[in-house]
Amino acid sequence: MDVSEARELSQEVISEILGAVIAEREFMETLMVGVLSRGHVLLEDVPGTGKTLTAHSLATALGLEYSRIQFTPDLLPSDITGTHVFNERDRTFEFNEGPLFANVVLADEINRAPPKTQAALLEAMQEQQVTVGGDTYELPTPFFVIATQNPVEQEGTFELPEAQVDRFQIKSSLGYPDQEGSLTLLKRRAGRTKDVPSVERVLDRAAVMTLRQVPESVHTEDDVLRYISRIGRATRQHPQVDTGVSPRGIQKCFESARARAVLNGQDFVTPDDVKAVVVPVLAHRLVLKPEAVIDTVEKETVINEVVEEVPVPTVEFS
């Protein structure tokens, strides 16, 4: 599969999802960047914005197995990974797979789970495997987590550790629909006894696996690599930042920029591709200084200031 075909298929998937989900195309393209770059996505939105529908629609359009886990304070690691069950007939223990054994997993309200359960999910996200009773089990491939959290209600929640936040390739938000989007939702509600928009399968598992290989063939000039590196270094030197972007974050920015190039139908990465992904890929990895938090400084604002300060390379492609 070449870049042109990958772009066409990706845009077809996005269009299919947008037939059912009321959202901006830019948001769906950011979500697709996560798919192409083999990363996980964290969605921070108030309830009722369509996060669950988005995750289920994505899985359907990609032709992948879908699972939803509702995270709660009493959720145990075995509730998501699975557990060994005694088979009385064979007098042996058998492993029963948990809901993590799917291609697309929606971790709904992830910050409501206790740290021990979050740690089990961390292993799954990083290693694509789970360990139960000393035995290791491989998760299906591809494995893609879409986690959600409510930014408003904090009672009864456990803040995600920095190590886990850093494992998310992208953090984004659907946001509220515009006037036209709200009108469409109301019309659907008024006519819900009639046919409602549904999502059809566009790809299958094999096609998704092939599609995710395409960004690996995208060329990146050294000047663009230096540009990404300088942005990362600049976040560590920003006066309002306590802990800047990690080396993993820089790599994820590079991977996401290549995926963005594929969505644009390019077989090379430009500085504009980097600019398009820096906020959703890097902002959530920053740890601000206490005084910046008190002053309600936005992490996205810090990243935008950094991008403005770092010189943009002039790259010519033949």
Protein backbone atom coordinates (compact mmCIF):
# COMPACT_ATOMS: atom_id res chain seq x y z
CA MET A 1 0.00 0.00 0.00
CA ASP A 2 1.42 3.39 -0.99
CA VAL A 3 0.84 6.78 0.66
CA SER A 4 -1.83 7.83 -1.82
CA GLU A 5 -3.91 4.73 -1.20
CA ALA A 6 -3.38 5.02 2.56
CA ARG A 7 -4.64 8.60 2.47
CA GLU A 8 -7.71 7.64 0.48
CA LEU A 9 -8.62 4.80 2.84
CA SER A 10 -7.99 6.91 5.96
CA GLN A 11 -10.17 9.72 4.68
CA GLU A 12 -12.87 7.20 3.78
CA VAL A 13 -12.81 5.88 7.35
CA ILE A 14 -13.07 9.43 8.73
CA SER A 15 -15.97 10.29 6.43
CA GLU A 16 -17.81 7.11 7.42
CA ILE A 17 -17.48 7.95 11.13
CA LEU A 18 -18.57 11.55 10.58
CA GLY A 19 -21.77 10.21 9.07
CA ALA A 20 -22.80 9.14 12.58
CA VAL A 21 -20.71 11.26 14.96
CA ILE A 22 -21.20 15.02 15.22
CA ALA A 23 -17.62 16.29 15.39
CA GLU A 24 -15.07 18.38 13.54
CA ARG A 25 -13.14 16.65 10.79
CA GLU A 26 -9.92 17.96 12.32
CA PHE A 27 -10.68 16.03 15.51
CA MET A 28 -11.30 12.82 13.56
CA GLU A 29 -8.06 13.30 11.66
CA THR A 30 -6.23 13.67 14.97
CA LEU A 31 -7.84 10.44 16.16
CA MET A 32 -6.76 8.76 12.92
CA VAL A 33 -3.20 9.97 13.51
CA GLY A 34 -3.28 7.91 16.70
CA VAL A 35 -4.40 4.84 14.75
CA LEU A 36 -1.76 5.25 12.05
CA SER A 37 1.06 5.93 14.51
CA ARG A 38 0.14 2.91 16.68
CA GLY A 39 -0.53 5.07 19.73
CA HIS A 40 -3.30 5.40 22.29
CA VAL A 41 -5.66 8.34 22.69
CA LEU A 42 -6.93 10.14 25.80
CA LEU A 43 -10.16 12.11 25.40
CA GLU A 44 -10.98 14.68 28.07
CA ASP A 45 -14.57 15.83 27.72
CA VAL A 46 -17.68 16.45 29.75
CA PRO A 47 -20.31 13.68 29.60
CA GLY A 48 -22.61 13.55 26.58
CA THR A 49 -20.25 14.76 23.87
CA GLY A 50 -20.10 11.45 21.99
CA LYS A 51 -16.91 9.80 23.21
CA THR A 52 -18.42 6.30 23.43
CA LEU A 53 -20.09 6.62 20.04
CA THR A 54 -16.82 7.80 18.54
CA ALA A 55 -14.86 4.82 19.87
CA HIS A 56 -17.48 2.29 18.78
CA SER A 57 -17.82 3.93 15.34
CA LEU A 58 -14.05 3.88 14.85
CA ALA A 59 -13.87 0.17 15.67
CA THR A 60 -16.76 -0.58 13.30
CA ALA A 61 -15.28 1.42 10.41
CA LEU A 62 -11.91 -0.28 10.88
CA GLY A 63 -13.52 -3.72 11.09
CA LEU A 64 -11.98 -4.41 14.51
CA GLU A 65 -13.23 -6.06 17.69
CA TYR A 66 -14.50 -3.52 20.23
CA SER A 67 -14.72 -3.62 24.02
CA ARG A 68 -15.89 -1.04 26.55
CA ILE A 69 -14.73 -0.98 30.17
CA GLN A 70 -16.49 1.27 32.68
CA PHE A 71 -13.83 2.23 35.21
CA THR A 72 -15.03 2.52 38.82
CA PRO A 73 -13.29 2.90 42.21
CA ASP A 74 -13.85 -0.78 43.03
CA LEU A 75 -12.55 -2.11 39.69
CA LEU A 76 -9.86 -4.75 40.20
CA PRO A 77 -6.98 -5.55 37.80
CA SER A 78 -8.47 -9.01 37.19
CA ASP A 79 -11.73 -7.36 36.11
CA ILE A 80 -10.00 -5.99 33.03
CA THR A 81 -7.18 -8.47 32.40
CA GLY A 82 -9.05 -11.70 33.08
CA THR A 83 -8.54 -14.42 35.66
CA HIS A 84 -7.84 -18.10 36.11
CA VAL A 85 -10.94 -20.23 36.65
CA PHE A 86 -10.88 -23.80 37.95
CA ASN A 87 -12.25 -26.39 35.52
CA GLU A 88 -13.75 -29.11 37.67
CA ARG A 89 -13.96 -31.58 34.82
CA ASP A 90 -10.27 -31.37 33.88
CA ARG A 91 -9.14 -30.42 37.40
CA THR A 92 -7.08 -27.60 35.91
CA PHE A 93 -7.10 -23.82 35.92
CA GLU A 94 -8.09 -22.10 32.69
CA PHE A 95 -7.54 -18.47 31.81
CA ASN A 96 -10.66 -16.48 31.04
CA GLU A 97 -9.81 -13.40 29.01
CA GLY A 98 -10.95 -10.03 30.30
CA PRO A 99 -12.35 -7.11 28.27
CA LEU A 100 -8.83 -5.91 27.46
CA PHE A 101 -8.64 -8.70 24.89
CA ALA A 102 -10.02 -6.65 21.99
CA ASN A 103 -8.57 -4.51 19.20
CA VAL A 104 -10.21 -1.23 20.21
CA VAL A 105 -10.75 -0.80 23.96
CA LEU A 106 -12.71 2.12 25.39
CA ALA A 107 -11.49 2.81 28.94
CA ASP A 108 -14.38 4.98 30.07
CA GLU A 109 -13.64 7.41 32.93
CA ILE A 110 -10.18 5.93 33.40
CA ASN A 111 -9.36 8.24 36.30
CA ARG A 112 -12.03 6.59 38.46
CA ALA A 113 -10.05 3.35 38.72
CA PRO A 114 -7.59 2.84 41.62
CA PRO A 115 -3.84 3.02 40.88
CA LYS A 116 -3.43 -0.78 40.92
CA THR A 117 -5.93 -1.19 38.09
CA GLN A 118 -4.41 1.71 36.19
CA ALA A 119 -1.04 -0.05 36.48
CA ALA A 120 -2.52 -3.17 34.86
CA LEU A 121 -3.75 -1.04 32.00
CA LEU A 122 -0.32 0.61 31.77
CA GLU A 123 1.33 -2.75 31.09
CA ALA A 124 -1.26 -3.50 28.42
CA MET A 125 -0.72 -0.14 26.71
CA GLN A 126 3.06 -0.30 26.77
CA GLU A 127 3.78 -4.00 26.26
CA GLN A 128 0.55 -5.15 24.57
CA GLN A 129 0.35 -7.96 27.09
CA VAL A 130 -1.08 -8.68 30.53
CA THR A 131 0.38 -10.66 33.41
CA VAL A 132 -2.00 -12.72 35.52
CA GLY A 133 -0.83 -15.10 38.24
CA GLY A 134 2.73 -15.01 36.95
CA ASP A 135 1.66 -15.94 33.40
CA THR A 136 1.91 -13.52 30.48
CA TYR A 137 -0.74 -13.32 27.77
CA GLU A 138 -0.38 -11.42 24.50
CA LEU A 139 -3.15 -9.01 23.57
CA PRO A 140 -4.72 -8.96 20.10
CA THR A 141 -3.01 -7.03 17.33
CA PRO A 142 -3.69 -4.24 16.63
CA PHE A 143 -4.39 -3.01 20.15
CA PHE A 144 -5.68 0.53 20.52
CA VAL A 145 -6.91 2.19 23.74
CA ILE A 146 -9.25 5.17 23.75
CA ALA A 147 -9.48 6.42 27.33
CA THR A 148 -11.84 9.11 28.58
CA GLN A 149 -11.96 11.29 31.65
CA ASN A 150 -14.24 14.04 32.89
CA PRO A 151 -12.33 17.32 33.43
CA VAL A 152 -15.03 18.80 35.70
CA GLU A 153 -16.03 16.22 38.30
CA GLN A 154 -13.01 15.21 40.41
CA GLU A 155 -14.71 13.63 43.45
CA GLY A 156 -13.94 9.92 43.70
CA THR A 157 -11.21 10.01 41.06
CA PHE A 158 -7.54 9.05 41.03
CA GLU A 159 -5.25 11.35 39.09
CA LEU A 160 -3.41 9.53 36.32
CA PRO A 161 0.31 9.15 37.12
CA GLU A 162 2.70 10.95 34.80
CA ALA A 163 4.07 7.62 33.56
CA GLN A 164 0.64 6.63 32.31
CA VAL A 165 -0.19 10.02 30.81
CA ASP A 166 3.09 9.81 28.89
CA ARG A 167 1.94 6.51 27.33
CA PHE A 168 -0.88 8.25 25.50
CA GLN A 169 0.19 9.28 22.04
CA ILE A 170 -2.50 11.93 21.81
CA LYS A 171 -4.77 13.86 24.12
CA SER A 172 -7.71 15.59 22.51
CA SER A 173 -11.31 16.66 22.97
CA LEU A 174 -14.47 16.55 20.88
CA GLY A 175 -15.80 19.72 22.46
CA TYR A 176 -19.36 20.96 22.12
CA PRO A 177 -21.00 20.81 18.69
CA ASP A 178 -21.55 24.06 16.82
CA GLN A 179 -25.01 25.44 16.01
CA GLU A 180 -25.41 23.28 12.93
CA GLY A 181 -24.22 20.20 14.80
CA SER A 182 -26.67 20.81 17.66
CA LEU A 183 -29.49 21.19 15.15
CA THR A 184 -28.55 17.89 13.51
CA LEU A 185 -28.61 16.14 16.90
CA LEU A 186 -32.07 17.51 17.65
CA LYS A 187 -33.38 16.42 14.25
CA ARG A 188 -32.05 12.92 14.85
CA ARG A 189 -33.75 12.86 18.26
CA ALA A 190 -37.02 14.05 16.74
CA GLY A 191 -36.92 11.33 14.09
CA ARG A 192 -35.37 8.50 16.07
CA THR A 193 -38.20 6.13 15.10
CA LYS A 194 -36.92 6.37 11.54
CA ASP A 195 -33.59 5.18 10.23
CA VAL A 196 -30.68 6.72 12.15
CA PRO A 197 -27.16 7.12 10.74
CA SER A 198 -25.01 4.04 11.18
CA VAL A 199 -21.37 3.25 10.47
CA GLU A 200 -20.41 0.58 7.96
CA ARG A 201 -17.15 -1.33 7.86
CA VAL A 202 -14.57 0.25 5.58
CA LEU A 203 -11.48 -1.85 6.38
CA ASP A 204 -10.67 -5.16 8.03
CA ARG A 205 -7.96 -6.23 10.44
CA ALA A 206 -5.46 -7.11 7.69
CA ALA A 207 -6.00 -3.77 5.96
CA VAL A 208 -5.52 -1.88 9.24
CA MET A 209 -2.24 -3.72 9.85
CA THR A 210 -1.05 -2.80 6.36
CA LEU A 211 -2.24 0.79 6.75
CA ARG A 212 -0.21 1.24 9.93
CA GLN A 213 2.95 0.21 8.11
CA VAL A 214 2.72 3.08 5.61
CA PRO A 215 4.04 5.89 7.90
CA GLU A 216 7.25 3.88 8.31
CA SER A 217 8.06 4.61 4.66
CA VAL A 218 7.57 8.38 4.99
CA HIS A 219 10.82 10.32 4.59
CA THR A 220 11.93 12.91 7.14
CA GLU A 221 14.78 15.33 6.47
CA ASP A 222 17.38 15.87 9.18
CA ASP A 223 16.36 19.53 9.49
CA VAL A 224 12.81 18.46 10.37
CA LEU A 225 14.15 15.97 12.92
CA ARG A 226 16.24 18.76 14.47
CA TYR A 227 13.12 20.96 14.50
CA ILE A 228 11.21 18.35 16.52
CA SER A 229 14.15 17.92 18.87
CA ARG A 230 14.47 21.68 19.44
CA ILE A 231 10.78 21.96 20.28
CA GLY A 232 11.22 19.23 22.89
CA ARG A 233 14.28 20.90 24.38
CA ALA A 234 12.53 24.27 24.44
CA THR A 235 9.70 22.86 26.57
CA ARG A 236 12.26 21.90 29.23
CA GLN A 237 13.64 25.43 29.28
CA HIS A 238 10.30 27.25 29.42
CA PRO A 239 10.05 29.35 32.62
CA GLN A 240 6.60 28.01 33.52
CA VAL A 241 7.46 24.33 33.01
CA ASP A 242 8.74 22.10 35.80
CA THR A 243 9.17 18.96 33.69
CA GLY A 244 9.31 19.21 29.92
CA VAL A 245 8.67 16.70 27.18
CA SER A 246 10.44 13.36 27.67
CA PRO A 247 12.52 11.62 24.99
CA ARG A 248 9.53 9.31 24.47
CA GLY A 249 7.40 12.37 23.78
CA ILE A 250 9.80 13.54 21.07
CA GLN A 251 9.62 10.14 19.40
CA LYS A 252 5.83 10.18 19.57
CA CYS A 253 5.81 13.62 17.97
CA PHE A 254 7.94 12.28 15.12
CA GLU A 255 5.68 9.25 14.66
CA SER A 256 2.57 11.42 14.69
CA ALA A 257 4.05 13.88 12.18
CA ARG A 258 4.68 10.99 9.78
CA ALA A 259 1.10 9.79 10.24
CA ARG A 260 -0.15 13.31 9.59
CA ALA A 261 1.88 13.41 6.38
CA VAL A 262 0.13 10.21 5.26
CA LEU A 263 -3.27 11.79 5.91
CA ASN A 264 -2.15 14.67 3.68
CA GLY A 265 -1.03 12.27 0.96
CA GLN A 266 2.67 13.11 1.35
CA ASP A 267 5.58 10.70 1.40
CA PHE A 268 7.67 13.24 3.34
CA VAL A 269 7.26 15.22 6.58
CA THR A 270 7.08 19.00 6.53
CA PRO A 271 7.32 21.47 9.44
CA ASP A 272 3.58 22.06 8.98
CA ASP A 273 2.94 18.38 9.73
CA VAL A 274 4.90 18.82 12.96
CA LYS A 275 2.96 21.97 13.89
CA ALA A 276 -0.32 20.13 13.29
CA VAL A 277 0.46 17.50 15.94
CA VAL A 278 2.57 19.23 18.60
CA VAL A 279 -0.33 20.34 20.81
CA PRO A 280 -2.28 17.05 20.98
CA VAL A 281 0.94 15.03 21.24
CA LEU A 282 3.08 17.14 23.59
CA ALA A 283 0.85 19.38 25.75
CA HIS A 284 -0.40 16.66 28.12
CA ARG A 285 3.19 15.53 28.80
CA LEU A 286 4.17 18.83 30.45
CA VAL A 287 4.30 19.28 34.20
CA LEU A 288 3.83 22.96 35.03
CA LYS A 289 5.36 24.76 37.99
CA PRO A 290 3.03 25.30 40.98
CA GLU A 291 2.81 29.04 40.34
CA ALA A 292 1.80 28.40 36.73
CA VAL A 293 -0.94 26.04 37.90
CA ILE A 294 -2.18 28.66 40.36
CA ASP A 295 -2.26 31.21 37.55
CA THR A 296 -4.27 28.67 35.46
CA VAL A 297 -1.72 28.62 32.67
CA GLU A 298 -2.83 26.28 29.89
CA LYS A 299 -0.36 23.65 28.70
CA GLU A 300 -1.52 24.21 25.14
CA THR A 301 -0.54 27.87 25.47
CA VAL A 302 2.96 26.88 26.59
CA ILE A 303 3.39 24.58 23.58
CA ASN A 304 2.18 27.29 21.21
CA GLU A 305 4.66 29.76 22.73
CA VAL A 306 7.47 27.25 22.27
CA VAL A 307 6.54 26.65 18.63
CA GLU A 308 6.53 30.40 18.01
CA GLU A 309 10.05 30.71 19.45
CA VAL A 310 11.72 27.78 17.65
CA PRO A 311 12.93 28.69 14.13
CA VAL A 312 11.13 26.81 11.38
CA PRO A 313 13.52 25.10 8.95
CA THR A 314 13.27 25.62 5.23
CA VAL A 315 13.07 22.17 3.70
CA GLU A 316 13.11 21.49 -0.01
CA PHE A 317 11.98 18.17 -1.46
CA SER A 318 12.71 17.05 -4.97
